[in-house]
Amino acid sequence: MESWIIWARLAAVFAALTAIFGKFGVSGVHPDLTTFIRTCVILGFAALIVSAQGAFSSISDIGARTWVFLVLSALATGASWLAYFRELQLGQAAQVASIDKLSVVMVAIFGVVFLGEKLSALNLVGVGFIALGALLVSLSA
């Protein structure tokens, strides 16, 4: 099995746990505060990992263009988390997570438009099923 598949599966499991743990965590707390607390924990955890790997030394090698896109990605992540925890406080975890997974559909579209990636007919059917599945779960939860 290719290593990216293992990491993708782990990411999916952790994303699912994020929704479940988050649903418990947002109860009675302002959702933006929960995002701030999570971000602080993530920052500490990531710093520990980067430090343990000795990767801080290569930070000076990062170019300006990369910095711009990393900052834009971080801002998008922050906005996503703020919206996610607000909706998680208001909706059921299954509904929230299913709509959130429409990001897969959007990534496929953005990949084609902005990155020049190609989608086969089978890929398009899969993207359509993801969109349909997200809709069905959001309606039935």
Protein backbone atom coordinates (compact mmCIF):
# COMPACT_ATOMS: atom_id res chain seq x y z
CA MET A 1 0.00 0.00 0.00
CA GLU A 2 1.33 3.42 -0.92
CA SER A 3 2.27 5.62 2.03
CA TRP A 4 -0.05 8.46 1.00
CA ILE A 5 -3.03 6.12 1.34
CA ILE A 6 -2.05 5.28 4.91
CA TRP A 7 -1.71 8.97 5.77
CA ALA A 8 -5.03 9.75 4.02
CA ARG A 9 -6.80 7.08 6.06
CA LEU A 10 -5.27 8.40 9.26
CA ALA A 11 -6.37 11.92 8.31
CA ALA A 12 -9.93 10.67 7.77
CA VAL A 13 -10.00 8.93 11.16
CA PHE A 14 -8.64 12.01 12.92
CA ALA A 15 -11.10 14.27 11.06
CA ALA A 16 -13.95 12.05 12.25
CA LEU A 17 -12.65 12.20 15.81
CA THR A 18 -12.39 15.99 15.46
CA ALA A 19 -16.14 16.15 14.83
CA ILE A 20 -17.05 13.81 17.66
CA PHE A 21 -14.71 15.30 20.27
CA GLY A 22 -15.54 18.80 19.02
CA LYS A 23 -19.27 18.24 19.46
CA PHE A 24 -18.62 17.49 23.13
CA GLY A 25 -16.18 20.38 23.39
CA VAL A 26 -18.41 23.15 22.00
CA SER A 27 -21.23 22.51 24.42
CA GLY A 28 -21.79 25.72 26.38
CA VAL A 29 -18.61 27.41 25.09
CA HIS A 30 -18.34 30.14 22.46
CA PRO A 31 -17.31 28.35 19.24
CA ASP A 32 -14.62 30.93 18.41
CA LEU A 33 -13.04 30.35 21.83
CA THR A 34 -13.01 26.61 21.17
CA THR A 35 -11.23 27.29 17.88
CA PHE A 36 -8.65 29.43 19.69
CA ILE A 37 -8.02 26.73 22.32
CA ARG A 38 -7.69 24.01 19.66
CA THR A 39 -5.31 26.19 17.65
CA CYS A 40 -3.06 26.74 20.69
CA VAL A 41 -2.95 23.00 21.32
CA ILE A 42 -2.21 22.29 17.65
CA LEU A 43 0.52 24.94 17.62
CA GLY A 44 2.21 23.36 20.63
CA PHE A 45 1.85 19.85 19.24
CA ALA A 46 3.20 20.84 15.82
CA ALA A 47 6.11 22.74 17.41
CA LEU A 48 6.98 19.65 19.45
CA ILE A 49 7.00 17.45 16.33
CA VAL A 50 9.03 19.93 14.25
CA SER A 51 11.49 20.40 17.12
CA ALA A 52 11.88 16.65 17.64
CA GLN A 53 12.67 16.23 13.93
CA GLY A 54 15.12 19.14 13.92
CA ALA A 55 13.19 20.76 11.10
CA PHE A 56 13.20 24.31 12.51
CA SER A 57 16.66 24.79 11.02
CA SER A 58 15.24 24.74 7.49
CA ILE A 59 12.76 27.58 8.10
CA SER A 60 15.19 30.09 6.60
CA ASP A 61 15.15 28.14 3.32
CA ILE A 62 11.45 28.89 2.71
CA GLY A 63 10.94 31.32 -0.17
CA ALA A 64 8.61 34.33 -0.26
CA ARG A 65 6.11 32.68 -2.64
CA THR A 66 5.87 29.66 -0.35
CA TRP A 67 5.33 31.93 2.66
CA VAL A 68 2.47 33.71 0.88
CA PHE A 69 0.70 30.46 0.09
CA LEU A 70 1.33 29.03 3.56
CA VAL A 71 -0.19 32.15 5.12
CA LEU A 72 -3.17 32.01 2.75
CA SER A 73 -3.62 28.32 3.56
CA ALA A 74 -3.46 29.08 7.29
CA LEU A 75 -6.06 31.85 6.95
CA ALA A 76 -8.35 29.50 5.00
CA THR A 77 -7.85 26.82 7.67
CA GLY A 78 -8.68 29.30 10.42
CA ALA A 79 -11.82 30.46 8.64
CA SER A 80 -12.82 26.84 8.04
CA TRP A 81 -12.35 25.95 11.70
CA LEU A 82 -14.30 28.99 12.88
CA ALA A 83 -17.20 28.06 10.61
CA TYR A 84 -16.93 24.35 11.45
CA PHE A 85 -17.14 24.78 15.20
CA ARG A 86 -19.94 27.32 14.89
CA GLU A 87 -21.96 24.90 12.77
CA LEU A 88 -21.02 21.98 15.02
CA GLN A 89 -22.51 23.84 17.96
CA LEU A 90 -25.74 24.40 16.03
CA GLY A 91 -26.16 21.14 14.09
CA GLN A 92 -25.78 17.41 14.46
CA ALA A 93 -22.27 16.03 14.00
CA ALA A 94 -23.27 13.83 11.03
CA GLN A 95 -24.92 16.75 9.25
CA VAL A 96 -22.03 19.09 9.88
CA ALA A 97 -19.37 16.58 8.83
CA SER A 98 -21.23 15.59 5.67
CA ILE A 99 -21.55 19.17 4.46
CA ASP A 100 -17.94 19.80 5.45
CA LYS A 101 -16.90 16.90 3.21
CA LEU A 102 -18.20 18.82 0.23
CA SER A 103 -14.69 20.25 0.43
CA VAL A 104 -13.65 17.09 -1.44
CA VAL A 105 -15.90 18.13 -4.32
CA MET A 106 -14.56 21.67 -4.20
CA VAL A 107 -10.95 20.47 -4.14
CA ALA A 108 -11.63 18.40 -7.26
CA ILE A 109 -13.10 21.42 -9.01
CA PHE A 110 -10.37 23.81 -7.82
CA GLY A 111 -7.71 21.24 -8.76
CA VAL A 112 -8.98 21.22 -12.34
CA VAL A 113 -9.43 24.99 -12.57
CA PHE A 114 -6.35 26.25 -10.72
CA LEU A 115 -3.86 23.38 -10.85
CA GLY A 116 -4.65 21.94 -14.27
CA GLU A 117 -5.34 18.49 -12.82
CA LYS A 118 -7.29 16.02 -14.91
CA LEU A 119 -10.30 14.02 -13.71
CA SER A 120 -11.31 10.85 -15.49
CA ALA A 121 -14.92 9.89 -16.04
CA LEU A 122 -14.62 7.53 -13.07
CA ASN A 123 -13.23 10.39 -10.93
CA LEU A 124 -16.18 12.58 -11.93
CA VAL A 125 -18.64 9.85 -10.97
CA GLY A 126 -16.89 9.52 -7.61
CA VAL A 127 -17.05 13.28 -7.01
CA GLY A 128 -20.74 13.19 -7.91
CA PHE A 129 -21.35 10.37 -5.44
CA ILE A 130 -19.54 12.31 -2.71
CA ALA A 131 -21.75 15.33 -3.38
CA LEU A 132 -24.89 13.19 -3.41
CA GLY A 133 -23.83 11.34 -0.26
CA ALA A 134 -23.15 14.59 1.58
CA LEU A 135 -26.57 15.85 0.60
CA LEU A 136 -28.32 12.65 1.66
CA VAL A 137 -26.56 12.48 5.03
CA SER A 138 -27.23 16.14 5.74
CA LEU A 139 -30.94 15.66 5.04
CA SER A 140 -31.40 12.43 6.96
CA ALA A 141 -29.40 13.16 10.11
